[in-house]
């Protein structure tokens, strides 16, 4: 970002006349999912992710500039490592917890990494949607 602000800055190729539009679902991530992103030598906690991008917690919106391209990013989802990623900084906002959050969009992800990410997201969705039947009889301890 070029200004000391956490306001949204327009993306040149995006039409925002109707407001911010999210086209795909981003999955919220819990601490137990242990999902991290690495940019250079710095590791960040991922707060949500999708096939098209992620959001990570940062200490300040000044760590990155809107539109900045991050090369050789890495994503760790449990014991799965996705390397050689490229991401574009889209926005900085305040997360519900009060921490700062940077939203990034994947740029030019190769087919192999897309497949790995899709599989990992599928597993996370199944885990998130698992509901134990409260009326089912459970074995006694």
Protein backbone atom coordinates (compact mmCIF):
# COMPACT_ATOMS: atom_id res chain seq x y z
CA UNK A 1 0.00 0.00 0.00
CA UNK A 2 1.25 3.41 -0.79
CA UNK A 3 -0.59 5.22 2.00
CA UNK A 4 -0.71 4.76 5.78
CA UNK A 5 -4.25 3.39 5.62
CA UNK A 6 -6.17 0.17 5.88
CA UNK A 7 -8.85 1.32 3.46
CA UNK A 8 -9.59 -0.77 0.39
CA UNK A 9 -7.73 0.43 -2.64
CA UNK A 10 -9.26 -0.21 -6.07
CA UNK A 11 -7.77 -2.95 -8.20
CA UNK A 12 -7.20 -1.52 -11.70
CA UNK A 13 -8.77 -4.45 -13.60
CA UNK A 14 -11.73 -4.89 -11.23
CA UNK A 15 -15.13 -3.23 -11.59
CA UNK A 16 -16.27 -2.30 -8.06
CA UNK A 17 -19.23 -0.06 -8.90
CA UNK A 18 -21.59 -2.57 -7.26
CA UNK A 19 -19.33 -2.94 -4.20
CA UNK A 20 -16.92 -5.72 -3.28
CA UNK A 21 -18.07 -9.01 -4.80
CA UNK A 22 -16.73 -12.35 -3.65
CA UNK A 23 -17.22 -14.89 -6.44
CA UNK A 24 -15.96 -18.00 -4.65
CA UNK A 25 -16.34 -19.38 -1.16
CA UNK A 26 -13.36 -18.96 1.14
CA UNK A 27 -13.09 -21.55 3.88
CA UNK A 28 -12.39 -20.29 7.38
CA UNK A 29 -9.44 -22.02 8.98
CA UNK A 30 -9.16 -22.98 12.63
CA UNK A 31 -5.92 -23.15 14.58
CA UNK A 32 -6.31 -26.94 14.75
CA UNK A 33 -6.10 -27.11 10.94
CA UNK A 34 -2.50 -25.80 11.20
CA UNK A 35 -2.36 -23.99 7.87
CA UNK A 36 0.60 -21.65 7.28
CA UNK A 37 1.94 -19.60 4.39
CA UNK A 38 5.57 -18.64 3.92
CA UNK A 39 6.69 -15.57 2.02
CA UNK A 40 10.47 -15.40 2.02
CA UNK A 41 11.66 -16.26 5.52
CA UNK A 42 8.42 -15.16 7.21
CA UNK A 43 5.66 -17.57 8.20
CA UNK A 44 2.04 -16.41 8.51
CA UNK A 45 -1.08 -17.99 9.99
CA UNK A 46 -3.70 -18.58 7.28
CA UNK A 47 -7.17 -17.47 8.41
CA UNK A 48 -9.08 -18.58 5.33
CA UNK A 49 -8.36 -20.05 1.94
CA UNK A 50 -9.90 -21.00 -1.37
CA UNK A 51 -8.79 -22.30 -4.74
CA UNK A 52 -8.10 -18.70 -5.79
CA UNK A 53 -6.39 -17.22 -2.74
CA UNK A 54 -5.78 -16.93 0.99
CA UNK A 55 -5.96 -14.48 3.85
CA UNK A 56 -3.16 -14.34 6.41
CA UNK A 57 -2.72 -12.52 9.71
CA UNK A 58 -0.05 -9.80 9.70
CA UNK A 59 1.16 -7.40 12.37
CA UNK A 60 0.67 -4.34 10.13
CA UNK A 61 -0.92 -3.47 6.80
CA UNK A 62 2.39 -1.83 5.95
CA UNK A 63 4.13 -5.23 5.60
CA UNK A 64 2.87 -5.49 2.01
CA UNK A 65 1.71 -3.13 -0.70
CA UNK A 66 -1.58 -3.52 -2.57
CA UNK A 67 -0.82 -5.11 -5.94
CA UNK A 68 2.55 -6.46 -4.76
CA UNK A 69 3.52 -9.79 -6.35
CA UNK A 70 5.06 -12.38 -4.02
CA UNK A 71 7.17 -14.99 -5.78
CA UNK A 72 8.13 -18.42 -4.42
CA UNK A 73 5.41 -18.49 -1.76
CA UNK A 74 4.76 -21.73 0.09
CA UNK A 75 1.57 -23.09 1.63
CA UNK A 76 1.51 -25.79 4.31
CA UNK A 77 -1.79 -27.53 5.03
CA UNK A 78 -1.07 -30.02 7.81
CA UNK A 79 1.61 -32.29 6.35
CA UNK A 80 0.99 -31.20 2.73
CA UNK A 81 3.42 -28.64 1.30
CA UNK A 82 2.64 -26.66 -1.84
CA UNK A 83 5.68 -24.79 -3.14
CA UNK A 84 6.57 -22.46 -5.99
CA UNK A 85 3.39 -20.39 -5.61
CA UNK A 86 2.97 -16.82 -6.78
CA UNK A 87 0.49 -14.48 -5.09
CA UNK A 88 -0.78 -10.94 -5.53
CA UNK A 89 -1.69 -8.77 -2.54
CA UNK A 90 -5.30 -7.65 -3.01
CA UNK A 91 -6.26 -5.91 0.23
CA UNK A 92 -5.60 -5.35 3.90
CA UNK A 93 -8.43 -5.32 6.41
CA UNK A 94 -9.12 -5.81 10.09
CA UNK A 95 -10.03 -9.39 11.02
CA UNK A 96 -12.83 -10.11 13.50
CA UNK A 97 -10.18 -10.75 16.14
CA UNK A 98 -8.85 -7.21 15.73
CA UNK A 99 -5.69 -8.35 13.96
CA UNK A 100 -4.74 -7.19 10.48
CA UNK A 101 -5.40 -9.52 7.58
CA UNK A 102 -3.90 -9.48 4.09
CA UNK A 103 -5.90 -11.01 1.23
CA UNK A 104 -3.85 -12.59 -1.55
CA UNK A 105 -4.84 -14.04 -4.89
CA UNK A 106 -2.95 -16.90 -6.52
CA UNK A 107 -1.31 -15.94 -9.81
CA UNK A 108 -0.56 -18.53 -12.51
CA UNK A 109 -0.84 -21.61 -10.30
CA UNK A 110 0.24 -24.74 -12.17
CA UNK A 111 -2.10 -27.72 -12.65
CA UNK A 112 -0.29 -29.96 -10.15
CA UNK A 113 -0.52 -27.37 -7.34
CA UNK A 114 -4.19 -26.69 -8.21
CA UNK A 115 -4.96 -30.40 -7.85
CA UNK A 116 -3.12 -30.63 -4.50
CA UNK A 117 -4.96 -27.56 -3.21
CA UNK A 118 -8.36 -28.82 -4.43
CA UNK A 119 -7.80 -32.16 -2.68
CA UNK A 120 -6.74 -30.46 0.57
CA UNK A 121 -9.75 -28.09 0.42
CA UNK A 122 -12.06 -31.06 -0.14
CA UNK A 123 -10.68 -32.75 2.98
CA UNK A 124 -11.04 -29.55 5.01
CA UNK A 125 -14.65 -29.13 3.85
CA UNK A 126 -15.52 -32.71 4.83
CA UNK A 127 -13.93 -32.14 8.24
CA UNK A 128 -15.79 -28.83 8.72
CA UNK A 129 -19.16 -30.32 7.74
CA UNK A 130 -18.87 -33.47 9.84
CA UNK A 131 -21.68 -33.45 12.37
CA UNK A 132 -22.07 -36.20 14.89
CA UNK A 133 -25.64 -37.44 15.23
CA UNK A 134 -26.67 -36.42 18.74
CA UNK A 135 -29.45 -39.01 18.79
CA UNK A 136 -27.27 -41.92 17.79
CA UNK A 137 -26.41 -44.39 20.53
CA UNK A 138 -22.78 -44.11 21.54
CA UNK A 139 -20.67 -46.86 23.05
CA UNK A 140 -20.36 -46.57 26.80
CA UNK A 141 -16.92 -45.89 28.20
